[in-house]
């Protein structure tokens, strides 16, 4: 299965939003909030999986690619996006900072795609 290269800015938005937690004047970081990199499936043809990033806090998903940020129940979000929980990677604030600054110098993705999924160039 081919995985489309990310063409949006979800990785950047999720990273910024998590570090600011939605409010640039409140640097409080809630315990348990994580950046998540996962692979939803397009609901229209060609039905490819694509790389995507969001923030989770407990059972809430904050999809930062929406303006304003959209909040969903995690089980609903995974169901609609056909996201396999075994194919997501969660990063704590410290792990994300290390990936962002020291390891990759980019907003993501920082993880390898799931077994059997390869990146292809998506349409711009």
PDB file of N, CA and C in Angstrom:
ATOM      1  N   UNK A   1       0.851  -1.185   0.000  1.00  0.00           N
ATOM      2  CA  UNK A   1       0.000   0.000   0.000  1.00  0.00           C
ATOM      3  C   UNK A   1       0.885   1.233   0.000  1.00  0.00           C
ATOM      4  N   UNK A   2       0.545   2.205  -0.802  1.00  0.00           N
ATOM      5  CA  UNK A   2       1.305   3.445  -0.888  1.00  0.00           C
ATOM      6  C   UNK A   2       0.799   4.433   0.148  1.00  0.00           C
ATOM      7  N   UNK A   3       1.693   5.190   0.704  1.00  0.00           N
ATOM      8  CA  UNK A   3       1.353   6.232   1.662  1.00  0.00           C
ATOM      9  C   UNK A   3       1.719   7.563   1.040  1.00  0.00           C
ATOM     10  N   UNK A   4       0.734   8.445   0.907  1.00  0.00           N
ATOM     11  CA  UNK A   4       0.977   9.731   0.264  1.00  0.00           C
ATOM     12  C   UNK A   4       1.860  10.604   1.148  1.00  0.00           C
ATOM     13  N   UNK A   5       2.820  11.302   0.511  1.00  0.00           N
ATOM     14  CA  UNK A   5       3.654  12.251   1.232  1.00  0.00           C
ATOM     15  C   UNK A   5       2.769  13.355   1.799  1.00  0.00           C
ATOM     16  N   UNK A   6       3.038  13.801   3.019  1.00  0.00           N
ATOM     17  CA  UNK A   6       2.250  14.895   3.563  1.00  0.00           C
ATOM     18  C   UNK A   6       2.393  16.162   2.729  1.00  0.00           C
ATOM     19  N   UNK A   7       1.284  16.805   2.413  1.00  0.00           N
ATOM     20  CA  UNK A   7       1.337  18.054   1.654  1.00  0.00           C
ATOM     21  C   UNK A   7       0.796  19.224   2.473  1.00  0.00           C
ATOM     22  N   UNK A   8       0.240  18.956   3.644  1.00  0.00           N
ATOM     23  CA  UNK A   8      -0.306  20.011   4.483  1.00  0.00           C
ATOM     24  C   UNK A   8       0.680  20.411   5.567  1.00  0.00           C
ATOM     25  N   UNK A   9       0.174  21.087   6.575  1.00  0.00           N
ATOM     26  CA  UNK A   9       1.032  21.574   7.655  1.00  0.00           C
ATOM     27  C   UNK A   9       0.602  21.029   9.011  1.00  0.00           C
ATOM     28  N   UNK A  10      -0.036  19.864   9.030  1.00  0.00           N
ATOM     29  CA  UNK A  10      -0.548  19.307  10.284  1.00  0.00           C
ATOM     30  C   UNK A  10       0.567  19.032  11.289  1.00  0.00           C
ATOM     31  N   UNK A  11       1.736  18.580  10.832  1.00  0.00           N
ATOM     32  CA  UNK A  11       2.833  18.286  11.753  1.00  0.00           C
ATOM     33  C   UNK A  11       3.287  19.562  12.460  1.00  0.00           C
ATOM     34  N   UNK A  12       3.428  20.624  11.699  1.00  0.00           N
ATOM     35  CA  UNK A  12       3.838  21.907  12.278  1.00  0.00           C
ATOM     36  C   UNK A  12       2.762  22.434  13.229  1.00  0.00           C
ATOM     37  N   UNK A  13       1.514  22.404  12.801  1.00  0.00           N
ATOM     38  CA  UNK A  13       0.430  22.939  13.629  1.00  0.00           C
ATOM     39  C   UNK A  13       0.276  22.151  14.920  1.00  0.00           C
ATOM     40  N   UNK A  14       0.348  20.824  14.843  1.00  0.00           N
ATOM     41  CA  UNK A  14       0.213  20.006  16.054  1.00  0.00           C
ATOM     42  C   UNK A  14       1.351  20.284  17.027  1.00  0.00           C
ATOM     43  N   UNK A  15       2.564  20.423  16.496  1.00  0.00           N
ATOM     44  CA  UNK A  15       3.716  20.685  17.351  1.00  0.00           C
ATOM     45  C   UNK A  15       3.594  22.037  18.034  1.00  0.00           C
ATOM     46  N   UNK A  16       3.285  23.075  17.272  1.00  0.00           N
ATOM     47  CA  UNK A  16       3.118  24.403  17.868  1.00  0.00           C
ATOM     48  C   UNK A  16       1.984  24.407  18.881  1.00  0.00           C
ATOM     49  N   UNK A  17       0.877  23.796  18.518  1.00  0.00           N
ATOM     50  CA  UNK A  17      -0.290  23.827  19.397  1.00  0.00           C
ATOM     51  C   UNK A  17      -0.014  23.095  20.694  1.00  0.00           C
ATOM     52  N   UNK A  18       0.707  21.971  20.623  1.00  0.00           N
ATOM     53  CA  UNK A  18       0.998  21.243  21.853  1.00  0.00           C
ATOM     54  C   UNK A  18       1.919  22.037  22.758  1.00  0.00           C
ATOM     55  N   UNK A  19       2.935  22.667  22.178  1.00  0.00           N
ATOM     56  CA  UNK A  19       3.863  23.417  23.023  1.00  0.00           C
ATOM     57  C   UNK A  19       3.194  24.645  23.627  1.00  0.00           C
ATOM     58  N   UNK A  20       2.252  25.230  22.926  1.00  0.00           N
ATOM     59  CA  UNK A  20       1.517  26.381  23.463  1.00  0.00           C
ATOM     60  C   UNK A  20       0.215  25.945  24.123  1.00  0.00           C
ATOM     61  N   UNK A  21      -0.180  24.714  23.890  1.00  0.00           N
ATOM     62  CA  UNK A  21      -1.463  24.118  24.240  1.00  0.00           C
ATOM     63  C   UNK A  21      -2.619  25.062  23.953  1.00  0.00           C
ATOM     64  N   UNK A  22      -2.608  25.570  22.731  1.00  0.00           N
ATOM     65  CA  UNK A  22      -3.742  26.334  22.234  1.00  0.00           C
ATOM     66  C   UNK A  22      -3.737  27.794  22.618  1.00  0.00           C
ATOM     67  N   UNK A  23      -2.890  28.201  23.538  1.00  0.00           N
ATOM     68  CA  UNK A  23      -2.880  29.580  23.993  1.00  0.00           C
ATOM     69  C   UNK A  23      -1.435  30.065  24.079  1.00  0.00           C
ATOM     70  N   UNK A  24      -1.037  30.970  23.178  1.00  0.00           N
ATOM     71  CA  UNK A  24       0.365  31.401  23.171  1.00  0.00           C
ATOM     72  C   UNK A  24       0.791  32.127  24.437  1.00  0.00           C
ATOM     73  N   UNK A  25      -0.159  32.531  25.289  1.00  0.00           N
ATOM     74  CA  UNK A  25       0.189  33.241  26.514  1.00  0.00           C
ATOM     75  C   UNK A  25       0.178  32.332  27.728  1.00  0.00           C
ATOM     76  N   UNK A  26      -0.181  31.058  27.551  1.00  0.00           N
ATOM     77  CA  UNK A  26      -0.241  30.113  28.661  1.00  0.00           C
ATOM     78  C   UNK A  26       0.638  28.927  28.314  1.00  0.00           C
ATOM     79  N   UNK A  27       1.850  28.900  28.848  1.00  0.00           N
ATOM     80  CA  UNK A  27       2.799  27.843  28.510  1.00  0.00           C
ATOM     81  C   UNK A  27       2.629  26.613  29.405  1.00  0.00           C
ATOM     82  N   UNK A  28       1.522  26.510  30.117  1.00  0.00           N
ATOM     83  CA  UNK A  28       1.250  25.344  30.941  1.00  0.00           C
ATOM     84  C   UNK A  28       1.033  24.139  30.042  1.00  0.00           C
ATOM     85  N   UNK A  29       1.704  23.055  30.360  1.00  0.00           N
ATOM     86  CA  UNK A  29       1.581  21.851  29.558  1.00  0.00           C
ATOM     87  C   UNK A  29       0.830  20.805  30.367  1.00  0.00           C
ATOM     88  N   UNK A  30      -0.372  20.423  29.938  1.00  0.00           N
ATOM     89  CA  UNK A  30      -1.149  19.462  30.711  1.00  0.00           C
ATOM     90  C   UNK A  30      -0.481  18.089  30.750  1.00  0.00           C
ATOM     91  N   UNK A  31      -0.476  17.483  31.918  1.00  0.00           N
ATOM     92  CA  UNK A  31       0.055  16.135  32.044  1.00  0.00           C
ATOM     93  C   UNK A  31      -0.713  15.199  31.125  1.00  0.00           C
ATOM     94  N   UNK A  32       0.018  14.391  30.386  1.00  0.00           N
ATOM     95  CA  UNK A  32      -0.604  13.384  29.542  1.00  0.00           C
ATOM     96  C   UNK A  32      -0.846  13.809  28.105  1.00  0.00           C
ATOM     97  N   UNK A  33      -0.686  15.089  27.780  1.00  0.00           N
ATOM     98  CA  UNK A  33      -0.875  15.517  26.385  1.00  0.00           C
ATOM     99  C   UNK A  33       0.310  15.023  25.557  1.00  0.00           C
ATOM    100  N   UNK A  34       0.010  14.519  24.363  1.00  0.00           N
ATOM    101  CA  UNK A  34       1.042  13.982  23.474  1.00  0.00           C
ATOM    102  C   UNK A  34       0.758  14.403  22.039  1.00  0.00           C
ATOM    103  N   UNK A  35       1.835  14.545  21.259  1.00  0.00           N
ATOM    104  CA  UNK A  35       1.705  14.688  19.809  1.00  0.00           C
ATOM    105  C   UNK A  35       1.592  13.278  19.253  1.00  0.00           C
ATOM    106  N   UNK A  36       0.677  13.083  18.317  1.00  0.00           N
ATOM    107  CA  UNK A  36       0.485  11.766  17.723  1.00  0.00           C
ATOM    108  C   UNK A  36       0.703  11.863  16.223  1.00  0.00           C
ATOM    109  N   UNK A  37       1.509  10.953  15.697  1.00  0.00           N
ATOM    110  CA  UNK A  37       1.687  10.786  14.256  1.00  0.00           C
ATOM    111  C   UNK A  37       1.026   9.474  13.885  1.00  0.00           C
ATOM    112  N   UNK A  38       0.100   9.529  12.942  1.00  0.00           N
ATOM    113  CA  UNK A  38      -0.630   8.332  12.555  1.00  0.00           C
ATOM    114  C   UNK A  38      -0.979   8.353  11.084  1.00  0.00           C
ATOM    115  N   UNK A  39      -1.795   7.390  10.684  1.00  0.00           N
ATOM    116  CA  UNK A  39      -2.055   7.152   9.271  1.00  0.00           C
ATOM    117  C   UNK A  39      -3.535   6.929   8.999  1.00  0.00           C
ATOM    118  N   UNK A  40      -4.322   8.008   8.917  1.00  0.00           N
ATOM    119  CA  UNK A  40      -5.722   7.856   8.511  1.00  0.00           C
ATOM    120  C   UNK A  40      -5.815   7.392   7.061  1.00  0.00           C
ATOM    121  N   UNK A  41      -7.005   6.972   6.671  1.00  0.00           N
ATOM    122  CA  UNK A  41      -7.270   6.552   5.302  1.00  0.00           C
ATOM    123  C   UNK A  41      -8.218   7.551   4.659  1.00  0.00           C
ATOM    124  N   UNK A  42      -7.884   7.996   3.457  1.00  0.00           N
ATOM    125  CA  UNK A  42      -8.784   8.897   2.736  1.00  0.00           C
ATOM    126  C   UNK A  42     -10.156   8.243   2.595  1.00  0.00           C
ATOM    127  N   UNK A  43     -11.205   9.034   2.742  1.00  0.00           N
ATOM    128  CA  UNK A  43     -12.568   8.505   2.624  1.00  0.00           C
ATOM    129  C   UNK A  43     -13.092   8.593   1.198  1.00  0.00           C
ATOM    130  N   UNK A  44     -12.262   9.089   0.287  1.00  0.00           N
ATOM    131  CA  UNK A  44     -12.605   9.162  -1.136  1.00  0.00           C
ATOM    132  C   UNK A  44     -11.465   8.515  -1.921  1.00  0.00           C
ATOM    133  N   UNK A  45     -11.739   8.201  -3.175  1.00  0.00           N
ATOM    134  CA  UNK A  45     -10.684   7.586  -3.978  1.00  0.00           C
ATOM    135  C   UNK A  45      -9.476   8.488  -4.026  1.00  0.00           C
ATOM    136  N   UNK A  46      -8.301   7.971  -3.922  1.00  0.00           N
ATOM    137  CA  UNK A  46      -7.906   6.573  -4.089  1.00  0.00           C
ATOM    138  C   UNK A  46      -7.862   5.765  -2.791  1.00  0.00           C
ATOM    139  N   UNK A  47      -8.436   6.275  -1.693  1.00  0.00           N
ATOM    140  CA  UNK A  47      -8.513   5.572  -0.406  1.00  0.00           C
ATOM    141  C   UNK A  47      -7.134   5.230   0.159  1.00  0.00           C
ATOM    142  N   UNK A  48      -6.140   6.052  -0.128  1.00  0.00           N
ATOM    143  CA  UNK A  48      -4.786   5.840   0.379  1.00  0.00           C
ATOM    144  C   UNK A  48      -4.698   6.234   1.843  1.00  0.00           C
ATOM    145  N   UNK A  49      -3.745   5.621   2.533  1.00  0.00           N
ATOM    146  CA  UNK A  49      -3.373   6.104   3.856  1.00  0.00           C
ATOM    147  C   UNK A  49      -2.476   7.314   3.654  1.00  0.00           C
ATOM    148  N   UNK A  50      -2.508   8.218   4.615  1.00  0.00           N
ATOM    149  CA  UNK A  50      -1.638   9.388   4.534  1.00  0.00           C
ATOM    150  C   UNK A  50      -1.123   9.725   5.927  1.00  0.00           C
ATOM    151  N   UNK A  51       0.045  10.314   5.988  1.00  0.00           N
ATOM    152  CA  UNK A  51       0.605  10.723   7.264  1.00  0.00           C
ATOM    153  C   UNK A  51      -0.135  11.936   7.802  1.00  0.00           C
ATOM    154  N   UNK A  52      -0.392  11.923   9.115  1.00  0.00           N
ATOM    155  CA  UNK A  52      -1.123  13.024   9.740  1.00  0.00           C
ATOM    156  C   UNK A  52      -0.653  13.164  11.188  1.00  0.00           C
ATOM    157  N   UNK A  53      -0.794  14.358  11.737  1.00  0.00           N
ATOM    158  CA  UNK A  53      -0.408  14.621  13.123  1.00  0.00           C
ATOM    159  C   UNK A  53      -1.541  15.336  13.839  1.00  0.00           C
ATOM    160  N   UNK A  54      -1.697  15.025  15.121  1.00  0.00           N
ATOM    161  CA  UNK A  54      -2.700  15.658  15.968  1.00  0.00           C
ATOM    162  C   UNK A  54      -2.210  15.591  17.403  1.00  0.00           C
ATOM    163  N   UNK A  55      -2.941  16.181  18.315  1.00  0.00           N
ATOM    164  CA  UNK A  55      -2.611  16.165  19.742  1.00  0.00           C
ATOM    165  C   UNK A  55      -3.700  15.398  20.471  1.00  0.00           C
ATOM    166  N   UNK A  56      -3.286  14.580  21.437  1.00  0.00           N
ATOM    167  CA  UNK A  56      -4.246  13.856  22.273  1.00  0.00           C
ATOM    168  C   UNK A  56      -4.030  14.210  23.735  1.00  0.00           C
ATOM    169  N   UNK A  57      -5.134  14.294  24.450  1.00  0.00           N
ATOM    170  CA  UNK A  57      -5.119  14.440  25.901  1.00  0.00           C
ATOM    171  C   UNK A  57      -6.223  13.538  26.420  1.00  0.00           C
ATOM    172  N   UNK A  58      -5.819  12.405  26.980  1.00  0.00           N
ATOM    173  CA  UNK A  58      -6.808  11.418  27.395  1.00  0.00           C
ATOM    174  C   UNK A  58      -7.548  10.890  26.176  1.00  0.00           C
ATOM    175  N   UNK A  59      -8.878  10.927  26.240  1.00  0.00           N
ATOM    176  CA  UNK A  59      -9.694  10.449  25.123  1.00  0.00           C
ATOM    177  C   UNK A  59     -10.089  11.559  24.162  1.00  0.00           C
ATOM    178  N   UNK A  60      -9.446  12.724  24.276  1.00  0.00           N
ATOM    179  CA  UNK A  60      -9.742  13.827  23.368  1.00  0.00           C
ATOM    180  C   UNK A  60      -8.651  13.953  22.314  1.00  0.00           C
ATOM    181  N   UNK A  61      -9.076  14.215  21.075  1.00  0.00           N
ATOM    182  CA  UNK A  61      -8.171  14.494  19.963  1.00  0.00           C
ATOM    183  C   UNK A  61      -8.353  15.953  19.577  1.00  0.00           C
ATOM    184  N   UNK A  62      -7.255  16.658  19.437  1.00  0.00           N
ATOM    185  CA  UNK A  62      -7.253  18.038  18.972  1.00  0.00           C
ATOM    186  C   UNK A  62      -6.624  18.028  17.580  1.00  0.00           C
ATOM    187  N   UNK A  63      -7.457  18.173  16.556  1.00  0.00           N
ATOM    188  CA  UNK A  63      -6.963  18.184  15.176  1.00  0.00           C
ATOM    189  C   UNK A  63      -6.611  19.619  14.831  1.00  0.00           C
ATOM    190  N   UNK A  64      -5.328  19.897  14.877  1.00  0.00           N
ATOM    191  CA  UNK A  64      -4.828  21.263  14.726  1.00  0.00           C
ATOM    192  C   UNK A  64      -4.729  21.702  13.284  1.00  0.00           C
ATOM    193  N   UNK A  65      -5.075  20.817  12.348  1.00  0.00           N
ATOM    194  CA  UNK A  65      -5.072  21.205  10.936  1.00  0.00           C
ATOM    195  C   UNK A  65      -6.341  21.966  10.585  1.00  0.00           C
ATOM    196  N   UNK A  66      -7.287  22.004  11.506  1.00  0.00           N
ATOM    197  CA  UNK A  66      -8.535  22.734  11.326  1.00  0.00           C
ATOM    198  C   UNK A  66      -8.407  24.122  11.957  1.00  0.00           C
ATOM    199  N   UNK A  67      -9.136  25.080  11.441  1.00  0.00           N
ATOM    200  CA  UNK A  67      -9.153  26.414  12.034  1.00  0.00           C
ATOM    201  C   UNK A  67     -10.597  26.832  12.206  1.00  0.00           C
ATOM    202  N   UNK A  68     -11.093  26.870  13.437  1.00  0.00           N
ATOM    203  CA  UNK A  68     -10.367  26.637  14.683  1.00  0.00           C
ATOM    204  C   UNK A  68     -10.070  25.158  14.890  1.00  0.00           C
ATOM    205  N   UNK A  69      -9.204  24.886  15.869  1.00  0.00           N
ATOM    206  CA  UNK A  69      -8.838  23.507  16.191  1.00  0.00           C
ATOM    207  C   UNK A  69     -10.107  22.719  16.493  1.00  0.00           C
ATOM    208  N   UNK A  70     -10.217  21.543  15.869  1.00  0.00           N
ATOM    209  CA  UNK A  70     -11.385  20.689  16.061  1.00  0.00           C
ATOM    210  C   UNK A  70     -11.090  19.683  17.167  1.00  0.00           C
ATOM    211  N   UNK A  71     -12.067  19.458  18.029  1.00  0.00           N
ATOM    212  CA  UNK A  71     -11.922  18.527  19.147  1.00  0.00           C
ATOM    213  C   UNK A  71     -12.862  17.349  18.925  1.00  0.00           C
ATOM    214  N   UNK A  72     -12.324  16.142  19.069  1.00  0.00           N
ATOM    215  CA  UNK A  72     -13.094  14.924  18.836  1.00  0.00           C
ATOM    216  C   UNK A  72     -12.864  13.921  19.958  1.00  0.00           C
ATOM    217  N   UNK A  73     -13.809  13.036  20.134  1.00  0.00           N
ATOM    218  CA  UNK A  73     -13.593  11.855  20.949  1.00  0.00           C
ATOM    219  C   UNK A  73     -12.608  10.965  20.194  1.00  0.00           C
ATOM    220  N   UNK A  74     -11.600  10.440  20.889  1.00  0.00           N
ATOM    221  CA  UNK A  74     -10.552   9.655  20.227  1.00  0.00           C
ATOM    222  C   UNK A  74     -11.112   8.444  19.491  1.00  0.00           C
ATOM    223  N   UNK A  75     -12.052   7.732  20.090  1.00  0.00           N
ATOM    224  CA  UNK A  75     -12.606   6.535  19.445  1.00  0.00           C
ATOM    225  C   UNK A  75     -13.363   6.896  18.165  1.00  0.00           C
ATOM    226  N   UNK A  76     -14.087   7.999  18.193  1.00  0.00           N
ATOM    227  CA  UNK A  76     -14.791   8.479  17.002  1.00  0.00           C
ATOM    228  C   UNK A  76     -13.792   8.853  15.914  1.00  0.00           C
ATOM    229  N   UNK A  77     -12.773   9.619  16.281  1.00  0.00           N
ATOM    230  CA  UNK A  77     -11.757  10.102  15.332  1.00  0.00           C
ATOM    231  C   UNK A  77     -11.050   8.933  14.650  1.00  0.00           C
ATOM    232  N   UNK A  78     -10.645   7.962  15.447  1.00  0.00           N
ATOM    233  CA  UNK A  78      -9.963   6.787  14.883  1.00  0.00           C
ATOM    234  C   UNK A  78     -10.907   5.992  13.989  1.00  0.00           C
ATOM    235  N   UNK A  79     -12.170   5.894  14.371  1.00  0.00           N
ATOM    236  CA  UNK A  79     -13.136   5.151  13.566  1.00  0.00           C
ATOM    237  C   UNK A  79     -13.390   5.803  12.219  1.00  0.00           C
ATOM    238  N   UNK A  80     -13.651   7.098  12.224  1.00  0.00           N
ATOM    239  CA  UNK A  80     -13.926   7.819  10.978  1.00  0.00           C
ATOM    240  C   UNK A  80     -12.706   7.812  10.064  1.00  0.00           C
ATOM    241  N   UNK A  81     -11.518   7.986  10.652  1.00  0.00           N
ATOM    242  CA  UNK A  81     -10.297   8.024   9.861  1.00  0.00           C
ATOM    243  C   UNK A  81      -9.724   6.655   9.546  1.00  0.00           C
ATOM    244  N   UNK A  82     -10.378   5.615  10.054  1.00  0.00           N
ATOM    245  CA  UNK A  82      -9.874   4.239   9.883  1.00  0.00           C
ATOM    246  C   UNK A  82      -8.408   4.162  10.307  1.00  0.00           C
ATOM    247  N   UNK A  83      -8.136   4.753  11.462  1.00  0.00           N
ATOM    248  CA  UNK A  83      -6.782   4.790  11.996  1.00  0.00           C
ATOM    249  C   UNK A  83      -6.548   3.537  12.832  1.00  0.00           C
ATOM    250  N   UNK A  84      -5.505   2.817  12.499  1.00  0.00           N
ATOM    251  CA  UNK A  84      -5.128   1.628  13.254  1.00  0.00           C
ATOM    252  C   UNK A  84      -4.323   2.085  14.469  1.00  0.00           C
ATOM    253  N   UNK A  85      -4.810   1.846  15.686  1.00  0.00           N
ATOM    254  CA  UNK A  85      -4.077   2.286  16.882  1.00  0.00           C
ATOM    255  C   UNK A  85      -2.669   1.705  16.978  1.00  0.00           C
ATOM    256  N   UNK A  86      -2.437   0.567  16.332  1.00  0.00           N
ATOM    257  CA  UNK A  86      -1.103  -0.031  16.352  1.00  0.00           C
ATOM    258  C   UNK A  86      -0.144   0.686  15.404  1.00  0.00           C
ATOM    259  N   UNK A  87      -0.654   1.603  14.588  1.00  0.00           N
ATOM    260  CA  UNK A  87       0.177   2.326  13.628  1.00  0.00           C
ATOM    261  C   UNK A  87       0.381   3.789  14.000  1.00  0.00           C
ATOM    262  N   UNK A  88       0.089   4.147  15.243  1.00  0.00           N
ATOM    263  CA  UNK A  88       0.328   5.526  15.683  1.00  0.00           C
ATOM    264  C   UNK A  88       1.538   5.554  16.608  1.00  0.00           C
ATOM    265  N   UNK A  89       2.210   6.703  16.610  1.00  0.00           N
ATOM    266  CA  UNK A  89       3.334   6.918  17.512  1.00  0.00           C
ATOM    267  C   UNK A  89       3.020   8.167  18.323  1.00  0.00           C
ATOM    268  N   UNK A  90       3.133   8.047  19.634  1.00  0.00           N
ATOM    269  CA  UNK A  90       2.859   9.165  20.540  1.00  0.00           C
ATOM    270  C   UNK A  90       4.182   9.708  21.093  1.00  0.00           C
ATOM    271  N   UNK A  91       4.277  11.039  21.133  1.00  0.00           N
ATOM    272  CA  UNK A  91       5.480  11.700  21.609  1.00  0.00           C
ATOM    273  C   UNK A  91       5.123  12.620  22.771  1.00  0.00           C
ATOM    274  N   UNK A  92       5.824  12.463  23.881  1.00  0.00           N
ATOM    275  CA  UNK A  92       5.681  13.397  24.989  1.00  0.00           C
ATOM    276  C   UNK A  92       6.314  14.725  24.583  1.00  0.00           C
ATOM    277  N   UNK A  93       6.139  15.724  25.408  1.00  0.00           N
ATOM    278  CA  UNK A  93       6.742  17.028  25.118  1.00  0.00           C
ATOM    279  C   UNK A  93       8.258  16.906  24.985  1.00  0.00           C
ATOM    280  N   UNK A  94       8.906  16.195  25.910  1.00  0.00           N
ATOM    281  CA  UNK A  94      10.362  16.053  25.867  1.00  0.00           C
ATOM    282  C   UNK A  94      10.813  15.285  24.628  1.00  0.00           C
ATOM    283  N   UNK A  95      10.096  14.206  24.291  1.00  0.00           N
ATOM    284  CA  UNK A  95      10.446  13.435  23.096  1.00  0.00           C
ATOM    285  C   UNK A  95      10.270  14.274  21.834  1.00  0.00           C
ATOM    286  N   UNK A  96       9.194  15.036  21.782  1.00  0.00           N
ATOM    287  CA  UNK A  96       8.941  15.889  20.621  1.00  0.00           C
ATOM    288  C   UNK A  96      10.024  16.958  20.489  1.00  0.00           C
ATOM    289  N   UNK A  97      10.413  17.548  21.610  1.00  0.00           N
ATOM    290  CA  UNK A  97      11.461  18.572  21.576  1.00  0.00           C
ATOM    291  C   UNK A  97      12.782  17.976  21.075  1.00  0.00           C
ATOM    292  N   UNK A  98      13.096  16.771  21.522  1.00  0.00           N
ATOM    293  CA  UNK A  98      14.323  16.115  21.069  1.00  0.00           C
ATOM    294  C   UNK A  98      14.269  15.846  19.560  1.00  0.00           C
ATOM    295  N   UNK A  99      13.136  15.330  19.085  1.00  0.00           N
ATOM    296  CA  UNK A  99      12.983  15.066  17.648  1.00  0.00           C
ATOM    297  C   UNK A  99      13.056  16.358  16.851  1.00  0.00           C
ATOM    298  N   UNK A 100      12.406  17.383  17.347  1.00  0.00           N
ATOM    299  CA  UNK A 100      12.307  18.656  16.645  1.00  0.00           C
ATOM    300  C   UNK A 100      13.657  19.355  16.547  1.00  0.00           C
ATOM    301  N   UNK A 101      14.384  19.374  17.649  1.00  0.00           N
ATOM    302  CA  UNK A 101      15.602  20.171  17.708  1.00  0.00           C
ATOM    303  C   UNK A 101      16.864  19.355  17.419  1.00  0.00           C
ATOM    304  N   UNK A 102      16.960  18.175  18.027  1.00  0.00           N
ATOM    305  CA  UNK A 102      18.224  17.447  17.970  1.00  0.00           C
ATOM    306  C   UNK A 102      18.291  16.404  16.862  1.00  0.00           C
ATOM    307  N   UNK A 103      17.207  15.662  16.662  1.00  0.00           N
ATOM    308  CA  UNK A 103      17.284  14.503  15.778  1.00  0.00           C
ATOM    309  C   UNK A 103      16.947  14.808  14.324  1.00  0.00           C
ATOM    310  N   UNK A 104      15.880  15.536  14.093  1.00  0.00           N
ATOM    311  CA  UNK A 104      15.377  15.673  12.729  1.00  0.00           C
ATOM    312  C   UNK A 104      15.336  17.102  12.205  1.00  0.00           C
ATOM    313  N   UNK A 105      15.278  18.085  13.088  1.00  0.00           N
ATOM    314  CA  UNK A 105      15.214  19.494  12.705  1.00  0.00           C
ATOM    315  C   UNK A 105      14.035  19.768  11.766  1.00  0.00           C
ATOM    316  N   UNK A 106      12.923  19.072  12.002  1.00  0.00           N
ATOM    317  CA  UNK A 106      11.699  19.315  11.244  1.00  0.00           C
ATOM    318  C   UNK A 106      10.514  18.946  12.134  1.00  0.00           C
ATOM    319  N   UNK A 107       9.312  19.290  11.688  1.00  0.00           N
ATOM    320  CA  UNK A 107       8.106  19.049  12.475  1.00  0.00           C
ATOM    321  C   UNK A 107       7.583  17.617  12.344  1.00  0.00           C
ATOM    322  N   UNK A 108       8.072  16.864  11.411  1.00  0.00           N
ATOM    323  CA  UNK A 108       7.621  15.484  11.250  1.00  0.00           C
ATOM    324  C   UNK A 108       7.314  15.196   9.800  1.00  0.00           C
ATOM    325  N   UNK A 109       7.060  13.948   9.497  1.00  0.00           N
ATOM    326  CA  UNK A 109       6.972  12.840  10.455  1.00  0.00           C
ATOM    327  C   UNK A 109       8.350  12.409  10.934  1.00  0.00           C
ATOM    328  N   UNK A 110       8.399  11.908  12.156  1.00  0.00           N
ATOM    329  CA  UNK A 110       9.648  11.464  12.765  1.00  0.00           C
ATOM    330  C   UNK A 110       9.745   9.947  12.797  1.00  0.00           C
ATOM    331  N   UNK A 111       8.687   9.272  12.512  1.00  0.00           N
ATOM    332  CA  UNK A 111       8.643   7.825  12.618  1.00  0.00           C
ATOM    333  C   UNK A 111       8.624   7.180  11.236  1.00  0.00           C
ATOM    334  N   UNK A 112       8.961   5.931  11.186  1.00  0.00           N
ATOM    335  CA  UNK A 112       8.872   5.174   9.945  1.00  0.00           C
ATOM    336  C   UNK A 112       7.419   4.787   9.713  1.00  0.00           C
ATOM    337  N   UNK A 113       6.982   4.730   8.463  1.00  0.00           N
ATOM    338  CA  UNK A 113       5.612   4.281   8.202  1.00  0.00           C
ATOM    339  C   UNK A 113       5.450   2.817   8.605  1.00  0.00           C
ATOM    340  N   UNK A 114       4.213   2.391   8.831  1.00  0.00           N
ATOM    341  CA  UNK A 114       3.979   0.999   9.228  1.00  0.00           C
ATOM    342  C   UNK A 114       4.499   0.020   8.174  1.00  0.00           C
ATOM    343  N   UNK A 115       4.755  -1.193   8.601  1.00  0.00           N
ATOM    344  CA  UNK A 115       5.207  -2.249   7.697  1.00  0.00           C
ATOM    345  C   UNK A 115       4.226  -2.401   6.543  1.00  0.00           C
ATOM    346  N   UNK A 116       4.774  -2.463   5.344  1.00  0.00           N
ATOM    347  CA  UNK A 116       3.937  -2.644   4.155  1.00  0.00           C
ATOM    348  C   UNK A 116       3.399  -1.361   3.566  1.00  0.00           C
ATOM    349  N   UNK A 117       3.731  -0.221   4.191  1.00  0.00           N
ATOM    350  CA  UNK A 117       3.263   1.075   3.683  1.00  0.00           C
ATOM    351  C   UNK A 117       4.483   1.866   3.257  1.00  0.00           C
ATOM    352  N   UNK A 118       4.462   2.392   2.045  1.00  0.00           N
ATOM    353  CA  UNK A 118       5.572   3.201   1.558  1.00  0.00           C
ATOM    354  C   UNK A 118       5.058   4.563   1.123  1.00  0.00           C
ATOM    355  N   UNK A 119       5.904   5.577   1.228  1.00  0.00           N
ATOM    356  CA  UNK A 119       5.533   6.920   0.819  1.00  0.00           C
ATOM    357  C   UNK A 119       5.554   7.042  -0.703  1.00  0.00           C
ATOM    358  N   UNK A 120       4.564   7.728  -1.248  1.00  0.00           N
ATOM    359  CA  UNK A 120       4.584   8.147  -2.653  1.00  0.00           C
ATOM    360  C   UNK A 120       4.318   9.631  -2.655  1.00  0.00           C
ATOM    361  N   UNK A 121       4.704  10.295  -3.703  1.00  0.00           N
ATOM    362  CA  UNK A 121       4.489  11.733  -3.807  1.00  0.00           C
ATOM    363  C   UNK A 121       3.006  12.017  -3.990  1.00  0.00           C
ATOM    364  N   UNK A 122       2.422  12.770  -3.059  1.00  0.00           N
ATOM    365  CA  UNK A 122       1.018  13.134  -3.142  1.00  0.00           C
ATOM    366  C   UNK A 122       0.799  14.273  -4.116  1.00  0.00           C
ATOM    367  N   UNK A 123      -0.422  14.448  -4.509  1.00  0.00           N
ATOM    368  CA  UNK A 123      -0.758  15.557  -5.398  1.00  0.00           C
ATOM    369  C   UNK A 123      -0.771  16.833  -4.592  1.00  0.00           C
ATOM    370  N   UNK A 124      -0.207  17.872  -5.135  1.00  0.00           N
ATOM    371  CA  UNK A 124      -0.148  19.166  -4.439  1.00  0.00           C
ATOM    372  C   UNK A 124      -1.485  19.857  -4.468  1.00  0.00           C
TER     373      UNK A 124
END
